[in-house]
Protein backbone atom coordinates (compact mmCIF):
# COMPACT_ATOMS: atom_id res chain seq x y z
CA MET A 1 1.50 24.08 -2.92
CA HIS A 2 4.19 24.06 -0.23
CA LEU A 3 4.69 20.86 1.95
CA LYS A 4 3.61 22.96 5.03
CA ASP A 5 0.15 23.39 3.32
CA ILE A 6 -0.04 19.70 2.42
CA ILE A 7 0.97 17.92 5.56
CA ASP A 8 -0.48 18.91 9.03
CA PHE A 9 2.79 19.52 10.71
CA SER A 10 1.25 20.70 13.88
CA SER A 11 -0.06 17.08 14.50
CA HIS A 12 2.86 15.31 12.67
CA PRO A 13 6.09 17.21 13.00
CA ILE A 14 7.98 14.69 10.82
CA ASN A 15 11.18 16.87 10.75
CA ASP A 16 11.37 16.37 14.60
CA VAL A 17 13.87 13.85 15.76
CA SER A 18 11.80 12.96 18.95
CA TYR A 19 8.74 12.42 16.88
CA GLN A 20 10.61 10.25 14.47
CA LYS A 21 11.81 8.09 17.35
CA THR A 22 8.25 7.70 18.61
CA CYS A 23 6.95 6.68 15.19
CA LYS A 24 9.87 4.08 14.69
CA LYS A 25 9.07 2.62 18.10
CA LEU A 26 5.39 2.19 17.26
CA LEU A 27 6.20 0.66 13.83
CA ASP A 28 8.84 -1.78 15.28
CA GLU A 29 6.28 -2.92 17.98
CA LYS A 30 3.17 -3.17 15.91
CA GLY A 31 4.37 -3.70 12.38
CA ALA A 32 2.20 -0.83 11.49
CA LEU A 33 2.22 3.00 11.81
CA VAL A 34 -0.94 4.79 11.39
CA LEU A 35 -0.93 8.69 11.30
CA GLN A 36 -4.52 9.98 11.05
CA ASN A 37 -4.96 13.58 9.81
CA PHE A 38 -1.66 13.51 8.06
CA LEU A 39 -2.90 15.52 5.10
CA THR A 40 -4.68 18.74 5.55
CA PRO A 41 -8.45 18.81 4.46
CA MET A 42 -7.65 21.10 1.52
CA THR A 43 -5.09 18.67 0.26
CA ILE A 44 -7.52 15.68 0.56
CA GLU A 45 -10.01 17.54 -1.52
CA ARG A 46 -7.50 18.63 -4.11
CA ILE A 47 -6.24 15.03 -4.58
CA LYS A 48 -9.79 13.63 -4.63
CA LYS A 49 -10.62 15.94 -7.48
CA GLU A 50 -7.47 14.93 -9.43
CA GLY A 51 -8.45 11.25 -8.82
CA GLU A 52 -11.89 11.87 -10.15
CA ASP A 53 -10.66 13.92 -13.17
CA ASN A 54 -8.22 11.20 -14.13
CA GLN A 55 -10.03 7.94 -13.29
CA TYR A 56 -10.81 7.35 -16.95
CA LEU A 57 -7.14 6.76 -17.48
CA ALA A 58 -7.06 3.90 -14.90
CA TYR A 59 -5.98 0.45 -15.90
CA TYR A 60 -8.19 -2.24 -14.32
CA CYS A 61 -7.05 -5.76 -13.69
CA ALA A 62 -8.39 -8.85 -11.99
CA ASP A 63 -5.94 -11.45 -10.80
CA ASP A 64 -6.19 -14.81 -9.07
CA HIS A 65 -3.08 -15.60 -6.93
CA ASN A 66 -2.04 -17.39 -4.01
CA VAL A 67 -1.19 -15.63 -0.68
CA TYR A 68 2.59 -16.01 -1.43
CA LEU A 69 2.22 -14.28 -4.78
CA THR A 70 4.09 -17.24 -6.35
CA ASP A 71 3.50 -19.79 -8.98
CA LYS A 72 1.71 -22.90 -8.20
CA ASP A 73 3.72 -25.74 -6.71
CA PRO A 74 2.46 -29.12 -8.21
CA SER A 75 3.80 -31.06 -5.25
CA TYR A 76 0.94 -29.68 -3.12
CA PRO A 77 -2.75 -30.15 -3.68
CA GLU A 78 -4.83 -27.53 -5.46
CA ASP A 79 -6.66 -26.50 -2.28
CA HIS A 80 -3.49 -26.29 -0.19
CA PRO A 81 -2.70 -22.90 1.24
CA ARG A 82 0.41 -22.96 -0.92
CA ASN A 83 -1.77 -23.08 -4.15
CA LYS A 84 -5.20 -21.98 -3.14
CA LEU A 85 -6.18 -19.11 -5.47
CA ILE A 86 -7.35 -15.64 -4.06
CA SER A 87 -9.00 -13.04 -6.01
CA SER A 88 -7.88 -9.37 -6.28
CA SER A 89 -9.28 -6.63 -8.37
CA LYS A 90 -8.44 -2.92 -8.75
CA GLY A 91 -7.74 0.01 -11.10
CA CYS A 92 -4.88 2.49 -10.82
CA ILE A 93 -3.32 5.39 -12.63
CA GLN A 94 0.42 5.42 -12.75
CA ASP A 95 3.22 7.83 -12.03
CA ASP A 96 3.32 9.45 -15.45
CA GLN A 97 -0.52 10.03 -15.30
CA ILE A 98 -0.25 11.88 -11.96
CA PRO A 99 -0.63 15.67 -12.63
CA LEU A 100 2.71 17.57 -12.62
CA HIS A 101 1.78 19.86 -9.76
CA SER A 102 -0.11 17.29 -7.72
CA PRO A 103 0.42 17.49 -3.97
CA LEU A 104 1.27 13.79 -4.29
CA ARG A 105 4.48 14.75 -6.18
CA THR A 106 5.34 17.31 -3.64
CA ILE A 107 5.20 14.93 -0.86
CA TYR A 108 6.85 11.91 -2.72
CA ASP A 109 9.84 14.08 -3.67
CA ALA A 110 10.30 16.07 -0.47
CA LYS A 111 13.55 15.43 1.24
CA ILE A 112 11.89 15.95 4.65
CA PHE A 113 9.40 13.26 3.93
CA ARG A 114 12.07 10.83 2.71
CA ASP A 115 14.19 11.60 5.61
CA PHE A 116 11.35 10.88 8.01
CA LEU A 117 10.57 7.45 6.18
CA CYS A 118 14.45 6.64 6.40
CA ASN A 119 14.59 7.22 10.07
CA VAL A 120 11.40 5.51 10.86
CA LEU A 121 12.04 2.48 8.65
CA GLY A 122 15.81 2.20 9.33
CA GLU A 123 16.66 2.71 5.74
CA LYS A 124 19.93 4.44 4.64
CA GLY A 125 18.29 6.05 1.60
CA LEU A 126 15.13 5.80 -0.50
CA TYR A 127 14.99 6.14 -4.29
CA ASP A 128 12.52 6.56 -7.09
CA TYR A 129 11.79 3.74 -9.35
CA ALA A 130 13.72 3.97 -12.58
CA ASP A 131 10.67 3.26 -14.75
CA SER A 132 8.12 6.04 -15.32
CA LEU A 133 5.05 4.15 -13.96
CA SER A 134 5.74 2.60 -10.48
CA SER A 135 6.77 5.47 -8.04
CA ILE A 136 3.38 6.97 -7.44
CA ASN A 137 0.21 5.03 -8.04
CA LEU A 138 -3.41 6.10 -7.25
CA HIS A 139 -5.62 2.98 -6.74
CA TYR A 140 -9.41 2.83 -7.33
CA ALA A 141 -11.66 0.27 -5.71
CA GLU A 142 -15.15 0.56 -6.84
CA GLU A 143 -18.02 -1.58 -5.55
CA GLY A 144 -17.17 -5.23 -5.27
CA LYS A 145 -13.35 -4.81 -5.89
CA GLU A 146 -11.04 -6.03 -3.20
CA LEU A 147 -7.47 -7.02 -2.39
CA GLY A 148 -7.34 -10.64 -1.44
CA TRP A 149 -5.18 -12.18 1.40
CA HIS A 150 -1.47 -12.03 0.69
CA PHE A 151 2.11 -11.33 1.88
CA ASP A 152 4.11 -8.47 0.36
CA ASN A 153 7.29 -9.09 -1.39
CA SER A 154 8.76 -5.68 -0.26
CA SER A 155 9.75 -5.00 3.35
CA PHE A 156 7.33 -2.02 3.70
CA ALA A 157 4.46 -0.24 2.15
CA THR A 158 3.71 3.56 2.25
CA THR A 159 -0.05 4.54 1.60
CA ILE A 160 -2.41 7.36 2.17
CA LEU A 161 -6.17 6.80 2.08
CA ILE A 162 -7.62 9.59 -0.09
CA GLN A 163 -11.33 8.58 -0.27
CA LYS A 164 -13.13 6.31 2.03
CA PRO A 165 -16.03 4.22 0.59
CA GLU A 166 -19.59 4.02 2.13
CA GLY A 167 -18.81 0.48 3.50
CA GLY A 168 -16.22 -2.32 3.10
CA GLY A 169 -12.74 -1.45 2.01
CA ILE A 170 -11.36 -2.52 5.50
CA PHE A 171 -7.77 -3.32 5.94
CA GLU A 172 -7.37 -6.53 7.81
CA TYR A 173 -4.19 -8.31 8.86
CA VAL A 174 -2.57 -10.88 11.01
CA GLU A 175 1.03 -10.10 12.03
CA ASN A 176 3.95 -12.48 12.45
CA MET A 177 2.16 -15.06 10.11
CA ARG A 178 5.36 -16.38 8.48
CA ASP A 179 9.14 -15.98 8.59
CA ALA A 180 10.04 -15.38 4.97
CA ASP A 181 13.73 -14.80 5.52
CA ASN A 182 14.03 -18.28 7.08
CA GLY A 183 11.84 -19.97 4.55
CA GLU A 184 8.94 -20.68 7.28
CA MET A 185 5.68 -20.25 5.25
CA ASN A 186 3.40 -21.47 8.17
CA PHE A 187 0.84 -23.39 5.97
CA GLU A 188 -1.22 -24.42 8.91
CA GLY A 189 -1.55 -20.77 10.23
CA VAL A 190 -2.42 -19.48 6.82
CA GLU A 191 -5.07 -21.98 6.22
CA LYS A 192 -6.79 -21.09 9.37
CA VAL A 193 -6.71 -17.44 8.25
CA LEU A 194 -8.15 -18.36 4.85
CA ASN A 195 -10.91 -20.45 6.47
CA GLY A 196 -11.84 -17.51 8.95
CA LYS A 197 -10.74 -19.31 12.00
CA THR A 198 -8.16 -16.75 13.10
CA PRO A 199 -9.14 -13.36 14.78
CA VAL A 200 -7.87 -10.52 12.48
CA LYS A 201 -6.74 -6.97 13.32
CA THR A 202 -8.04 -3.98 11.39
CA LEU A 203 -6.51 -0.48 10.83
CA SER A 204 -8.81 2.42 11.22
CA MET A 205 -8.12 4.74 8.34
CA PRO A 206 -10.07 8.04 8.01
CA GLU A 207 -9.30 10.00 4.79
CA GLY A 208 -5.77 11.62 4.87
CA THR A 209 -4.27 8.86 6.96
CA LEU A 210 -0.71 7.75 6.22
CA VAL A 211 0.09 4.20 6.82
CA LEU A 212 3.50 2.43 7.08
CA PHE A 213 2.95 -1.24 6.98
CA ARG A 214 5.46 -4.16 7.09
CA GLY A 215 3.60 -6.79 5.17
CA ARG A 216 6.39 -9.22 4.39
CA ASN A 217 5.53 -11.48 7.21
CA ALA A 218 2.05 -10.08 8.03
CA ILE A 219 -0.84 -11.66 5.95
CA HIS A 220 -3.35 -8.91 5.04
CA ARG A 221 -6.15 -8.01 2.69
CA VAL A 222 -8.57 -5.12 1.95
CA THR A 223 -12.28 -6.32 2.00
CA PRO A 224 -14.61 -5.66 -0.93
CA THR A 225 -15.83 -2.03 -1.40
CA ILE A 226 -19.61 -1.50 -0.72
CA GLY A 227 -21.64 1.35 -2.08
CA GLU A 228 -21.15 3.80 -4.89
CA THR A 229 -18.33 5.75 -3.47
CA THR A 230 -14.91 4.58 -4.86
CA ARG A 231 -12.13 3.88 -2.47
CA MET A 232 -9.12 5.83 -3.46
CA LEU A 233 -5.61 4.95 -2.00
CA VAL A 234 -2.33 6.43 -2.99
CA VAL A 235 0.71 4.20 -2.84
CA PHE A 236 4.24 5.74 -2.62
CA ALA A 237 6.91 3.18 -3.94
CA TYR A 238 10.50 3.56 -3.09
CA ASN A 239 13.60 1.41 -3.37
CA SER A 240 16.64 1.29 -1.03
CA GLU A 241 18.94 1.22 -4.10
CA PRO A 242 18.94 3.52 -7.03
CA GLY A 243 18.16 2.45 -10.62
CA ILE A 244 15.67 -0.30 -9.95
CA ALA A 245 12.63 -0.70 -12.24
CA ILE A 246 9.57 -2.93 -12.25
CA SER A 247 10.10 -5.94 -14.57
CA PRO A 248 8.23 -5.69 -17.95
CA GLU A 249 6.16 -8.74 -17.09
CA ALA A 250 4.97 -7.28 -13.78
CA SER A 251 4.31 -3.94 -15.61
CA MET A 252 2.06 -5.50 -18.26
CA THR A 253 0.25 -7.33 -15.47
CA PHE A 254 -0.46 -4.42 -13.16
CA TYR A 255 -0.36 -1.47 -15.68
CA GLY A 256 -1.14 -2.92 -19.12
CA ARG A 257 1.98 -1.25 -20.59
CA VAL A 258 5.66 -0.77 -19.98
CA GLY A 259 7.20 2.56 -18.86
């Protein structure tokens, strides 16, 4: 498939400079850019079929973690926001399990798409992961599976929703919850979020929606999936420098193998 058959350029002219500037302004102001109907309907159905055909390959993991994705700190109590454990569970197929001629590869590798991301994100360049597993991941969340509250370690995330569940699977977030670069973790604010005392924002994501999200300082989660329809979401992972690979320890945790 050609890129023009995969991305709806009439709605999202990603190679247009003025469109790129508009997207950058939205991302800078809101911390999230939501581009609905980014993929053509034909593309969505093809990727769904690929996902269904290859779901048997998925590696499933359940993880208890704190919102900062760090080891426990014994100087704080167990129920302190620094140490309180949150549950996440999901399955995924990795880059080397994505079909060779998948539209996902066409998008990920396209210079037009990378140039768009660079201009919107303010990056000089974006590069594949050096390992064979991390660049493109297709995530599966069946009934009851969720992504617990957390902050990202990376500066941005690039995702496309492929299949929406019958219920649940809602992306919730609270922006500007911490200042990671200055070491301000905002324990009090995080505790209010964990206790349900802070209003949250949600992102509306119909199938085929591209989302760029800055999650380093925005706490966020995906609520448990409800119903028999599996939530499918693709994650495009890039690095700002070439030659970077996921660590063997992280690879075993998330993928059950090393690539």
